[in-house]
Amino acid sequence: MAKVWKERSILPGFGISLGFTLLYLSILVLIPIIALFAKTLDLTWAQFWEIATDERVVASLKLSFGASFMAALVNAVFGFIVAWVLVRYRFPGKKILDALVDMPFALPTAVAGIALTTLYSENGWMGKILTSWGIKAAYSPLGIVIALTFIGIPFVVRTIQPVLEELDKEYEEAAVSLGAHRFKTFIKIIFPEVLPALITGATLAFARAVGEYGSVVFISGNMPMKTEIAPLLIMTKLEQFDYAGATAIAVIMLVISFVLLLLTNYLQWRMNRRLQAE
């Protein structure tokens, strides 16, 4: 009678692994979110709506999400270029440049905010140049976009790099040999393969930027209705011991972020299905 060998997994079985995963995510993610929503129950619907529609709150939310979206778009373009250079070319100092991409991960956000403010203020190196062109960077929405772009660039680069490394150059060479122009080769062959990773990286950069505080609080100027971001408004309410108001703003940000991420994932899923069908 033939022996049936049961394949054993190196890691614990599905039941134990799933249980640990649910426990871990519940402690770190689910329970804090539930506590956040529970705290807002101290407010009546009328009080919650009053906070949500307050002009200062609306202005800060528009600025946070608008600046985060702009920073994600900038990172999508230039992050792709940086990843392309790091993957496709060899040059002196490449490893140093590759390490610099991760600098926003290692650098404390407060230090990054102070450095960017010094650099882009009217007396800073970059600020002097921009001021001569009539552009104000520090203490303006532009400064916020610059700070959010700085902290989001690694997400795009590190997401696209593995895809570019695995992309077979033979398809590009075949297209060129058949007379395809470089731009057409990029649009028809390279870009469709990289697009899902590009969307993922830009989405991660956007999600990271929405809740950013340390690197923005210095360069923004924190002027209500002009350069005040939503996380700063939350901190202000916490300092005033308005915990229900702070959690109400946090819940609004959480819901908007969740809906946007859900929409992005749906579009990415549709795109992957279309690419597989082709």
Protein backbone atom coordinates (compact mmCIF):
# COMPACT_ATOMS: atom_id res chain seq x y z
CA MET A 1 0.00 0.00 0.00
CA ALA A 2 1.53 3.28 -1.09
CA LYS A 3 2.34 5.73 1.66
CA VAL A 4 0.78 9.14 1.41
CA TRP A 5 3.15 11.84 2.51
CA LYS A 6 1.57 14.98 3.86
CA GLU A 7 3.41 18.10 2.87
CA ARG A 8 4.43 20.05 5.95
CA SER A 9 4.75 23.80 5.97
CA ILE A 10 7.75 25.51 7.48
CA LEU A 11 5.49 28.08 9.14
CA PRO A 12 2.60 27.15 11.47
CA GLY A 13 -0.61 25.87 9.90
CA PHE A 14 -3.34 28.02 8.41
CA GLY A 15 -5.44 28.09 11.57
CA ILE A 16 -2.65 29.31 13.84
CA SER A 17 -1.31 31.78 11.25
CA LEU A 18 -4.76 33.22 10.57
CA GLY A 19 -5.50 33.53 14.27
CA PHE A 20 -2.23 35.36 14.90
CA THR A 21 -2.85 37.62 11.90
CA LEU A 22 -6.33 38.59 13.08
CA LEU A 23 -5.10 39.18 16.64
CA TYR A 24 -2.16 41.28 15.45
CA LEU A 25 -4.25 43.41 13.09
CA SER A 26 -7.02 43.79 15.68
CA ILE A 27 -4.64 45.14 18.31
CA LEU A 28 -2.80 47.50 15.95
CA VAL A 29 -5.56 48.55 13.53
CA LEU A 30 -9.10 47.43 14.29
CA ILE A 31 -9.35 48.27 18.01
CA PRO A 32 -7.89 51.82 17.64
CA ILE A 33 -10.31 52.51 14.76
CA ILE A 34 -13.25 51.22 16.79
CA ALA A 35 -12.15 53.39 19.72
CA LEU A 36 -11.96 56.37 17.37
CA PHE A 37 -15.53 55.87 16.17
CA ALA A 38 -16.71 55.15 19.72
CA LYS A 39 -15.34 58.47 20.95
CA THR A 40 -17.35 60.36 18.34
CA LEU A 41 -20.51 58.80 19.76
CA ASP A 42 -20.20 61.36 22.55
CA LEU A 43 -21.43 63.83 19.96
CA THR A 44 -24.95 64.07 18.67
CA TRP A 45 -25.50 64.00 14.92
CA ALA A 46 -26.18 67.75 14.97
CA GLN A 47 -22.89 68.42 16.81
CA PHE A 48 -20.95 66.13 14.45
CA TRP A 49 -22.46 67.84 11.40
CA GLU A 50 -21.65 71.26 12.86
CA ILE A 51 -18.00 70.24 13.20
CA ALA A 52 -17.89 68.65 9.76
CA THR A 53 -19.31 71.71 8.03
CA ASP A 54 -17.31 74.30 9.97
CA GLU A 55 -15.49 76.60 7.53
CA ARG A 56 -12.13 76.10 9.23
CA VAL A 57 -12.49 72.31 9.20
CA VAL A 58 -13.61 72.24 5.55
CA ALA A 59 -10.71 74.49 4.53
CA SER A 60 -8.17 72.31 6.34
CA LEU A 61 -9.57 69.12 4.81
CA LYS A 62 -9.52 70.60 1.32
CA LEU A 63 -5.92 71.68 1.80
CA SER A 64 -4.80 68.33 3.22
CA PHE A 65 -6.41 66.19 0.54
CA GLY A 66 -5.71 68.63 -2.31
CA ALA A 67 -2.02 69.04 -1.43
CA SER A 68 -1.67 65.28 -0.91
CA PHE A 69 -3.20 64.61 -4.33
CA MET A 70 -0.89 67.12 -6.02
CA ALA A 71 2.14 65.64 -4.26
CA ALA A 72 1.09 62.13 -5.33
CA LEU A 73 0.83 63.28 -8.97
CA VAL A 74 4.28 64.88 -8.83
CA ASN A 75 5.73 61.74 -7.26
CA ALA A 76 4.05 59.56 -9.88
CA VAL A 77 5.87 61.42 -12.67
CA PHE A 78 9.26 62.03 -11.13
CA GLY A 79 9.25 58.84 -9.07
CA PHE A 80 8.89 56.87 -12.30
CA ILE A 81 11.82 58.77 -13.83
CA VAL A 82 14.01 58.14 -10.77
CA ALA A 83 13.14 54.44 -10.76
CA TRP A 84 13.85 54.21 -14.49
CA VAL A 85 17.28 55.80 -14.10
CA LEU A 86 18.20 53.56 -11.17
CA VAL A 87 17.16 50.39 -13.03
CA ARG A 88 18.17 51.04 -16.63
CA TYR A 89 21.46 52.97 -16.34
CA ARG A 90 24.86 52.49 -14.77
CA PHE A 91 26.78 55.52 -13.59
CA PRO A 92 29.15 56.59 -10.79
CA GLY A 93 27.37 57.22 -7.52
CA LYS A 94 24.35 55.11 -8.42
CA LYS A 95 24.32 53.31 -5.05
CA ILE A 96 24.51 56.63 -3.22
CA LEU A 97 21.55 57.95 -5.23
CA ASP A 98 19.65 54.75 -4.56
CA ALA A 99 20.28 55.13 -0.82
CA LEU A 100 19.16 58.79 -0.89
CA VAL A 101 15.72 57.67 -2.09
CA ASP A 102 15.11 56.09 1.33
CA MET A 103 16.29 59.18 3.23
CA PRO A 104 12.72 60.43 3.92
CA PHE A 105 12.05 57.12 5.68
CA ALA A 106 15.01 57.52 8.04
CA LEU A 107 14.91 61.27 8.57
CA PRO A 108 12.67 62.49 11.44
CA THR A 109 9.78 64.42 9.95
CA ALA A 110 10.39 67.43 12.19
CA VAL A 111 13.99 67.65 10.98
CA ALA A 112 12.79 67.40 7.38
CA GLY A 113 10.29 70.20 8.01
CA ILE A 114 12.92 72.50 9.49
CA ALA A 115 15.35 71.76 6.65
CA LEU A 116 12.73 72.40 3.97
CA THR A 117 11.59 75.60 5.65
CA THR A 118 15.17 76.87 5.81
CA LEU A 119 15.76 75.94 2.20
CA TYR A 120 12.55 77.39 0.75
CA SER A 121 12.12 80.48 2.92
CA GLU A 122 12.64 83.87 1.28
CA ASN A 123 16.27 83.91 2.47
CA GLY A 124 16.92 80.24 1.68
CA TRP A 125 18.88 78.89 -1.28
CA MET A 126 15.82 77.80 -3.24
CA GLY A 127 13.54 80.44 -1.74
CA LYS A 128 15.65 83.30 -3.12
CA ILE A 129 15.38 81.91 -6.65
CA LEU A 130 11.63 81.32 -6.41
CA THR A 131 11.07 84.74 -4.84
CA SER A 132 12.89 86.40 -7.75
CA TRP A 133 10.33 84.72 -10.02
CA GLY A 134 7.45 85.93 -7.85
CA ILE A 135 6.80 82.52 -6.31
CA LYS A 136 6.36 82.09 -2.56
CA ALA A 137 7.16 78.55 -1.38
CA ALA A 138 7.46 78.58 2.40
CA TYR A 139 4.35 79.47 4.41
CA SER A 140 2.08 78.77 1.45
CA PRO A 141 0.18 75.78 -0.02
CA LEU A 142 3.12 75.27 -2.40
CA GLY A 143 5.39 74.64 0.57
CA ILE A 144 2.97 72.01 1.84
CA VAL A 145 3.04 70.24 -1.53
CA ILE A 146 6.85 70.33 -1.50
CA ALA A 147 6.98 68.76 1.97
CA LEU A 148 4.45 66.06 1.06
CA THR A 149 6.32 65.31 -2.15
CA PHE A 150 9.51 64.85 -0.15
CA ILE A 151 8.05 62.29 2.24
CA GLY A 152 6.16 60.40 -0.50
CA ILE A 153 8.80 59.87 -3.19
CA PRO A 154 10.21 56.59 -1.74
CA PHE A 155 6.84 54.85 -1.98
CA VAL A 156 6.62 55.39 -5.73
CA VAL A 157 10.26 54.58 -6.51
CA ARG A 158 10.39 51.40 -4.40
CA THR A 159 7.09 50.16 -5.83
CA ILE A 160 8.08 50.65 -9.47
CA GLN A 161 11.69 49.43 -9.24
CA PRO A 162 10.95 45.67 -8.96
CA VAL A 163 8.54 45.84 -11.92
CA LEU A 164 11.10 47.58 -14.13
CA GLU A 165 13.78 45.08 -13.10
CA GLU A 166 11.57 42.14 -14.13
CA LEU A 167 10.45 43.77 -17.38
CA ASP A 168 11.92 41.83 -20.30
CA LYS A 169 13.84 44.09 -22.69
CA GLU A 170 13.25 41.67 -25.57
CA TYR A 171 9.75 43.06 -26.13
CA GLU A 172 11.15 46.58 -26.42
CA GLU A 173 13.87 45.42 -28.82
CA ALA A 174 11.32 43.53 -30.92
CA ALA A 175 9.10 46.61 -31.14
CA VAL A 176 12.02 48.81 -32.19
CA SER A 177 13.16 46.26 -34.77
CA LEU A 178 9.66 46.33 -36.27
CA GLY A 179 9.91 50.07 -36.73
CA ALA A 180 8.05 51.30 -33.66
CA HIS A 181 9.03 54.75 -32.43
CA ARG A 182 10.45 55.08 -28.92
CA PHE A 183 7.37 56.91 -27.66
CA LYS A 184 5.04 54.29 -29.13
CA THR A 185 7.16 51.52 -27.61
CA PHE A 186 6.89 53.19 -24.23
CA ILE A 187 3.12 53.71 -24.46
CA LYS A 188 2.24 50.28 -25.86
CA ILE A 189 4.74 48.01 -24.09
CA ILE A 190 6.39 49.56 -21.05
CA PHE A 191 3.71 51.81 -19.57
CA PRO A 192 0.88 49.18 -19.39
CA GLU A 193 3.20 46.86 -17.46
CA VAL A 194 4.29 49.56 -15.01
CA LEU A 195 0.92 51.32 -14.60
CA PRO A 196 -0.51 49.07 -11.82
CA ALA A 197 2.65 49.51 -9.75
CA LEU A 198 2.65 53.23 -10.50
CA ILE A 199 -0.92 53.57 -9.24
CA THR A 200 -0.08 51.56 -6.13
CA GLY A 201 2.97 53.68 -5.35
CA ALA A 202 1.11 56.95 -5.91
CA THR A 203 -1.75 55.71 -3.71
CA LEU A 204 0.67 54.83 -0.91
CA ALA A 205 2.30 58.25 -1.25
CA PHE A 206 -1.12 59.91 -1.11
CA ALA A 207 -2.18 57.93 1.96
CA ARG A 208 1.09 58.79 3.70
CA ALA A 209 0.76 62.47 2.87
CA VAL A 210 -2.82 62.87 4.11
CA GLY A 211 -1.84 62.21 7.71
CA GLU A 212 1.56 63.92 7.64
CA TYR A 213 2.20 66.43 10.40
CA GLY A 214 5.86 66.88 11.36
CA SER A 215 7.35 67.91 8.02
CA VAL A 216 4.41 70.20 7.15
CA VAL A 217 3.82 72.08 10.39
CA PHE A 218 6.96 74.22 9.99
CA ILE A 219 6.81 75.07 6.29
CA SER A 220 3.04 75.68 6.14
CA GLY A 221 2.86 78.71 8.42
CA ASN A 222 -0.28 77.27 10.06
CA MET A 223 -2.57 80.14 9.08
CA PRO A 224 -6.25 79.20 9.62
CA MET A 225 -8.32 79.07 6.42
CA LYS A 226 -5.10 79.39 4.35
CA THR A 227 -2.27 77.01 5.28
CA GLU A 228 -3.69 75.03 8.19
CA ILE A 229 -3.76 71.28 7.54
CA ALA A 230 -6.29 68.90 9.11
CA PRO A 231 -3.77 67.03 11.34
CA LEU A 232 -2.70 70.36 12.83
CA LEU A 233 -6.33 71.25 13.52
CA ILE A 234 -6.73 67.91 15.26
CA MET A 235 -3.70 68.69 17.45
CA THR A 236 -5.15 72.12 18.22
CA LYS A 237 -8.41 70.60 19.43
CA LEU A 238 -6.55 68.05 21.53
CA GLU A 239 -4.60 70.84 23.19
CA GLN A 240 -7.94 72.49 23.96
CA PHE A 241 -9.16 69.17 25.46
CA ASP A 242 -11.83 68.96 22.76
CA TYR A 243 -11.34 65.22 22.29
CA ALA A 244 -14.71 64.63 20.67
CA GLY A 245 -14.09 67.38 18.12
CA ALA A 246 -10.61 66.02 17.35
CA THR A 247 -11.91 62.49 16.84
CA ALA A 248 -14.76 63.80 14.68
CA ILE A 249 -12.24 65.39 12.27
CA ALA A 250 -10.15 62.21 12.39
CA VAL A 251 -13.19 60.10 11.52
CA ILE A 252 -13.99 62.36 8.56
CA MET A 253 -10.41 61.99 7.29
CA LEU A 254 -10.52 58.24 7.84
CA VAL A 255 -13.78 57.78 5.92
CA ILE A 256 -12.65 59.96 3.00
CA SER A 257 -9.28 58.18 2.84
CA PHE A 258 -10.94 54.75 2.96
CA VAL A 259 -13.35 55.61 0.15
CA LEU A 260 -10.52 56.96 -2.02
CA LEU A 261 -8.33 53.91 -1.38
CA LEU A 262 -11.26 51.60 -2.09
CA LEU A 263 -11.94 53.42 -5.36
CA THR A 264 -8.26 53.23 -6.33
CA ASN A 265 -8.12 49.50 -5.60
CA TYR A 266 -11.26 48.95 -7.68
CA LEU A 267 -9.81 50.86 -10.64
CA GLN A 268 -6.56 48.90 -10.32
CA TRP A 269 -8.50 45.63 -10.25
CA ARG A 270 -10.42 46.61 -13.38
CA MET A 271 -7.19 47.60 -15.09
CA ASN A 272 -5.50 44.30 -14.25
CA ARG A 273 -8.49 42.37 -15.60
CA ARG A 274 -8.40 44.33 -18.84
CA LEU A 275 -4.65 43.75 -19.23
CA GLN A 276 -5.09 40.01 -18.61
CA ALA A 277 -7.92 39.86 -21.15
CA GLU A 278 -5.71 41.49 -23.78
